[in-house]
Amino acid sequence: MTRFSLGKWLLPLYSALALIFLLVPIVYTFVFSFNASVKSNIVWVGFTWDNWLNVCADASVCGAFGTSILVGVTATVAATALGTLMALALSRYKFRARSAVSLLLFLPMATPEIVLGAGLAAQFLSAGVPKGFLTIVIAHTLFCLSFVVVTVKARVASLDPALEEAGRDLYGSSAQVFWRITFPLLLPGITAAALLSFALSFDDFIITRFNNGAVTTFPVYVYTAAARGVPAEANVIASAVFLLAIILVVVSQTTQAARRKRLAKLS
């Protein structure tokens, strides 16, 4: 007779409940993107394709989404460029206070966003910088910088120095060795850091709220609209972003699996 094991069923049950808990808001958002609502999108009225076919019927939704994309791209480019250089400097060179700089880089990651957002807002106010698009980009860049440094630094630590030494032995200049050997090897880490930075910037609300002024990003718009019911067009954009993320992950995993198979055949 098989003995009943509580531990055997407890972990799968807990995992299933956690997954359901995480997916319920996403399913709700996707379902209500097809709701034929007029003013409020809280109560189900009926099914319609109009929200997906005319997603910019409410211009404020697309305007906020476009602002978030522009802020995310700008902050990502700035944070990735600065963070990559900082990661290389911290990993390859010795200078005074290097340990202190490495420690301080973890502070933005460990500091609550409300503290970071309020601190940056106070600094902008003291410096007389008007809040707007520029202050949001600066705040997002500083927030994402630590994540880029940590991600790229881990990639730098995994590089084989013999590859760069081989390039120098073949009379390659410092620039040639970097762009033809080091940079291609760092590219996966840099890409991962850039994607993480964009996701953090696009999704951020707290830091943005403290520093946005009159500029409205998509998370700020959703928060403001939540009092009267988030428009169905906002649900459409959120659902489309989620589906796009899933497609990118599936394509990436499929490509990597096919590459591993090709390498296995060659070996």
Protein backbone atom coordinates (compact mmCIF):
# COMPACT_ATOMS: atom_id res chain seq x y z
CA MET A 1 0.00 0.00 0.00
CA THR A 2 1.45 3.34 -1.04
CA ARG A 3 1.90 5.80 1.80
CA PHE A 4 0.53 9.31 1.32
CA SER A 5 3.32 11.89 1.25
CA LEU A 6 2.30 15.44 2.07
CA GLY A 7 5.56 16.90 0.75
CA LYS A 8 5.09 15.17 -2.59
CA TRP A 9 1.88 17.10 -3.29
CA LEU A 10 2.45 20.29 -1.31
CA LEU A 11 5.14 21.80 -3.56
CA PRO A 12 3.28 21.17 -6.86
CA LEU A 13 0.09 22.54 -5.32
CA TYR A 14 1.88 25.64 -4.05
CA SER A 15 3.54 26.14 -7.46
CA ALA A 16 0.20 25.82 -9.26
CA LEU A 17 -1.50 28.32 -6.93
CA ALA A 18 1.39 30.78 -7.30
CA LEU A 19 1.21 30.49 -11.09
CA ILE A 20 -2.54 31.06 -11.07
CA PHE A 21 -2.09 34.06 -8.78
CA LEU A 22 0.41 35.58 -11.21
CA LEU A 23 -1.60 34.84 -14.35
CA VAL A 24 -5.03 36.06 -13.17
CA PRO A 25 -4.27 39.80 -13.67
CA ILE A 26 -2.74 39.08 -17.08
CA VAL A 27 -5.78 37.04 -18.16
CA TYR A 28 -8.09 39.78 -16.85
CA THR A 29 -6.20 42.42 -18.83
CA PHE A 30 -6.30 40.34 -22.01
CA VAL A 31 -10.01 39.49 -21.71
CA PHE A 32 -11.07 43.07 -20.99
CA SER A 33 -9.11 44.31 -23.99
CA PHE A 34 -12.06 42.93 -26.00
CA ASN A 35 -14.68 44.60 -23.82
CA ALA A 36 -17.16 46.85 -25.65
CA SER A 37 -16.98 49.50 -22.95
CA VAL A 38 -17.73 53.17 -23.50
CA LYS A 39 -16.54 55.10 -20.45
CA SER A 40 -15.62 52.52 -17.84
CA ASN A 41 -13.85 49.21 -18.43
CA ILE A 42 -14.72 47.59 -15.10
CA VAL A 43 -17.90 45.69 -15.99
CA TRP A 44 -18.09 43.33 -18.96
CA VAL A 45 -20.45 44.72 -21.62
CA GLY A 46 -19.81 42.59 -24.68
CA PHE A 47 -17.20 41.27 -27.07
CA THR A 48 -15.72 43.49 -29.77
CA TRP A 49 -12.66 43.69 -32.04
CA ASP A 50 -12.83 47.48 -32.27
CA ASN A 51 -10.40 48.04 -29.41
CA TRP A 52 -7.68 46.09 -31.23
CA LEU A 53 -8.48 47.54 -34.65
CA ASN A 54 -8.65 51.15 -33.38
CA VAL A 55 -6.17 51.09 -30.55
CA CYS A 56 -5.38 54.79 -30.99
CA ALA A 57 -9.00 55.88 -30.86
CA ASP A 58 -8.07 57.40 -27.50
CA ALA A 59 -5.05 59.48 -28.49
CA SER A 60 -3.91 59.90 -24.90
CA VAL A 61 -3.28 56.14 -24.58
CA CYS A 62 -1.00 55.98 -27.62
CA GLY A 63 0.65 59.25 -26.62
CA ALA A 64 1.55 57.88 -23.18
CA PHE A 65 2.73 54.61 -24.72
CA GLY A 66 4.93 56.46 -27.22
CA THR A 67 6.41 58.55 -24.43
CA SER A 68 7.27 55.40 -22.46
CA ILE A 69 8.94 53.87 -25.52
CA LEU A 70 10.98 57.03 -26.15
CA VAL A 71 12.00 57.33 -22.50
CA GLY A 72 12.85 53.63 -22.32
CA VAL A 73 14.99 53.66 -25.47
CA THR A 74 16.85 56.84 -24.49
CA ALA A 75 17.51 55.70 -20.92
CA THR A 76 18.51 52.23 -22.13
CA VAL A 77 21.07 53.57 -24.61
CA ALA A 78 22.57 55.91 -22.02
CA ALA A 79 22.60 53.36 -19.18
CA THR A 80 23.98 50.57 -21.40
CA ALA A 81 26.80 52.70 -22.78
CA LEU A 82 27.84 54.09 -19.39
CA GLY A 83 27.31 50.79 -17.58
CA THR A 84 29.40 48.81 -20.08
CA LEU A 85 32.31 51.21 -19.74
CA MET A 86 32.04 51.14 -15.95
CA ALA A 87 31.94 47.34 -15.93
CA LEU A 88 35.08 47.15 -18.06
CA ALA A 89 36.86 49.68 -15.85
CA LEU A 90 35.92 47.91 -12.63
CA SER A 91 36.91 44.50 -14.00
CA ARG A 92 40.07 45.32 -15.92
CA TYR A 93 41.73 48.25 -14.16
CA LYS A 94 42.95 49.05 -10.66
CA PHE A 95 42.35 52.53 -9.27
CA ARG A 96 41.65 54.21 -5.98
CA ALA A 97 38.26 53.58 -4.38
CA ARG A 98 37.45 50.79 -6.85
CA SER A 99 36.02 48.67 -4.04
CA ALA A 100 33.97 51.59 -2.78
CA VAL A 101 32.59 52.28 -6.26
CA SER A 102 31.64 48.62 -6.67
CA LEU A 103 29.84 48.71 -3.32
CA LEU A 104 28.04 51.97 -4.07
CA LEU A 105 26.76 50.58 -7.38
CA PHE A 106 24.59 48.15 -5.44
CA LEU A 107 22.86 50.92 -3.47
CA PRO A 108 20.35 51.91 -6.21
CA MET A 109 19.40 48.23 -6.54
CA ALA A 110 18.91 47.85 -2.78
CA THR A 111 17.31 51.25 -2.15
CA PRO A 112 13.48 51.37 -2.28
CA GLU A 113 12.28 53.16 -5.39
CA ILE A 114 10.29 55.69 -3.38
CA VAL A 115 13.50 56.79 -1.63
CA LEU A 116 15.43 57.00 -4.89
CA GLY A 117 12.61 58.85 -6.64
CA ALA A 118 12.16 61.36 -3.82
CA GLY A 119 15.92 61.92 -3.56
CA LEU A 120 16.28 62.60 -7.28
CA ALA A 121 13.26 64.92 -7.22
CA ALA A 122 14.83 66.87 -4.37
CA GLN A 123 18.11 67.15 -6.29
CA PHE A 124 16.36 68.41 -9.42
CA LEU A 125 14.46 70.94 -7.30
CA SER A 126 17.64 72.16 -5.61
CA ALA A 127 19.41 72.48 -8.98
CA GLY A 128 16.46 74.37 -10.47
CA VAL A 129 15.91 71.77 -13.21
CA PRO A 130 12.28 71.77 -14.38
CA LYS A 131 10.63 68.38 -14.26
CA GLY A 132 9.82 66.82 -17.59
CA PHE A 133 11.13 64.41 -20.18
CA LEU A 134 14.79 65.13 -19.38
CA THR A 135 14.41 64.49 -15.64
CA ILE A 136 12.63 61.20 -16.31
CA VAL A 137 15.43 60.04 -18.63
CA ILE A 138 18.13 61.02 -16.11
CA ALA A 139 16.29 59.28 -13.28
CA HIS A 140 15.73 56.10 -15.31
CA THR A 141 19.35 56.10 -16.51
CA LEU A 142 20.68 56.30 -12.96
CA PHE A 143 18.25 53.63 -11.80
CA CYS A 144 19.14 51.21 -14.61
CA LEU A 145 22.89 51.88 -14.48
CA SER A 146 23.54 49.49 -11.59
CA PHE A 147 21.73 46.62 -13.29
CA VAL A 148 23.78 47.13 -16.46
CA VAL A 149 27.08 47.19 -14.58
CA VAL A 150 26.29 44.03 -12.64
CA THR A 151 25.12 42.17 -15.76
CA VAL A 152 28.01 43.19 -18.01
CA LYS A 153 30.56 42.76 -15.23
CA ALA A 154 29.52 39.12 -14.86
CA ARG A 155 30.04 38.65 -18.59
CA VAL A 156 33.47 40.30 -18.45
CA ALA A 157 34.53 37.96 -15.65
CA SER A 158 33.69 34.94 -17.82
CA LEU A 159 35.86 36.00 -20.76
CA ASP A 160 38.99 34.04 -21.58
CA PRO A 161 41.98 36.46 -21.55
CA ALA A 162 43.84 34.13 -23.92
CA LEU A 163 41.54 35.17 -26.77
CA GLU A 164 42.49 38.83 -26.44
CA GLU A 165 46.15 37.91 -26.00
CA ALA A 166 45.97 35.94 -29.24
CA GLY A 167 44.64 39.01 -31.00
CA ARG A 168 47.54 41.10 -29.72
CA ASP A 169 50.01 38.39 -30.74
CA LEU A 170 48.63 38.73 -34.27
CA TYR A 171 49.60 42.41 -34.20
CA GLY A 172 46.09 43.68 -33.65
CA SER A 173 45.81 47.18 -32.23
CA SER A 174 43.90 47.84 -29.01
CA ALA A 175 40.92 49.08 -30.98
CA GLN A 176 40.94 46.08 -33.32
CA VAL A 177 41.18 43.62 -30.42
CA PHE A 178 38.29 45.32 -28.65
CA TRP A 179 35.91 45.57 -31.61
CA ARG A 180 36.74 42.21 -33.20
CA ILE A 181 37.22 40.04 -30.11
CA THR A 182 36.16 41.65 -26.83
CA PHE A 183 32.99 43.39 -27.98
CA PRO A 184 31.48 40.37 -29.82
CA LEU A 185 32.12 38.26 -26.72
CA LEU A 186 30.52 40.90 -24.51
CA LEU A 187 27.56 41.42 -26.84
CA PRO A 188 25.25 38.78 -25.26
CA GLY A 189 25.76 40.35 -21.84
CA ILE A 190 25.31 43.86 -23.20
CA THR A 191 22.12 42.81 -24.99
CA ALA A 192 20.74 41.20 -21.84
CA ALA A 193 21.56 44.33 -19.84
CA ALA A 194 19.89 46.55 -22.44
CA LEU A 195 16.72 44.45 -22.48
CA LEU A 196 16.60 44.48 -18.68
CA SER A 197 17.10 48.24 -18.61
CA PHE A 198 14.32 48.84 -21.12
CA ALA A 199 11.94 46.59 -19.20
CA LEU A 200 12.72 48.39 -15.93
CA SER A 201 12.35 51.83 -17.52
CA PHE A 202 9.16 51.05 -19.42
CA ASP A 203 7.54 49.50 -16.34
CA ASP A 204 8.63 52.08 -13.77
CA PHE A 205 5.99 54.16 -12.03
CA ILE A 206 7.30 55.32 -8.64
CA ILE A 207 10.49 57.06 -9.79
CA THR A 208 8.66 58.47 -12.81
CA ARG A 209 5.85 59.84 -10.66
CA PHE A 210 8.30 61.89 -8.60
CA ASN A 211 10.09 63.34 -11.63
CA ASN A 212 7.66 63.47 -14.56
CA GLY A 213 6.18 66.94 -14.19
CA ALA A 214 3.58 67.33 -16.94
CA VAL A 215 4.88 64.37 -18.99
CA THR A 216 2.71 61.27 -18.87
CA THR A 217 4.18 57.82 -19.41
CA PHE A 218 2.12 54.68 -19.88
CA PRO A 219 2.33 53.45 -16.23
CA VAL A 220 1.41 56.94 -14.99
CA TYR A 221 -1.52 57.06 -17.41
CA VAL A 222 -2.79 53.66 -16.27
CA TYR A 223 -2.53 54.69 -12.62
CA THR A 224 -4.41 57.93 -13.26
CA ALA A 225 -7.09 56.21 -15.33
CA ALA A 226 -7.57 53.37 -12.82
CA ALA A 227 -9.89 55.55 -10.71
CA ARG A 228 -12.50 55.57 -13.46
CA GLY A 229 -11.61 52.26 -15.11
CA VAL A 230 -8.61 51.67 -17.34
CA PRO A 231 -9.62 52.19 -21.00
CA ALA A 232 -9.83 49.06 -23.11
CA GLU A 233 -7.19 50.52 -25.45
CA ALA A 234 -4.71 50.50 -22.56
CA ASN A 235 -5.52 46.82 -22.01
CA VAL A 236 -4.86 46.22 -25.71
CA ILE A 237 -1.40 47.79 -25.50
CA ALA A 238 -0.56 45.89 -22.30
CA SER A 239 -1.72 42.61 -23.86
CA ALA A 240 0.24 43.28 -27.05
CA VAL A 241 3.43 43.99 -25.08
CA PHE A 242 2.96 40.77 -23.11
CA LEU A 243 2.38 38.72 -26.27
CA LEU A 244 5.41 40.32 -27.94
CA ALA A 245 7.57 39.42 -24.94
CA ILE A 246 6.39 35.79 -25.13
CA ILE A 247 7.12 35.64 -28.87
CA LEU A 248 10.62 37.03 -28.34
CA VAL A 249 11.34 34.47 -25.61
CA VAL A 250 10.02 31.58 -27.74
CA VAL A 251 12.03 32.71 -30.79
CA SER A 252 15.15 33.13 -28.67
CA GLN A 253 14.81 29.70 -27.06
CA THR A 254 14.05 28.04 -30.40
CA THR A 255 17.06 29.70 -32.04
CA GLN A 256 19.37 28.66 -29.21
CA ALA A 257 18.07 25.09 -29.32
CA ALA A 258 18.65 24.89 -33.09
CA ARG A 259 22.14 26.32 -32.66
CA ARG A 260 22.98 23.75 -29.99
CA LYS A 261 21.82 20.95 -32.29
CA ARG A 262 23.98 22.24 -35.13
CA LEU A 263 27.01 22.45 -32.84
CA ALA A 264 26.31 18.96 -31.52
CA LYS A 265 26.27 17.60 -35.07
CA LEU A 266 29.53 19.34 -35.94
CA SER A 267 31.24 17.94 -32.86
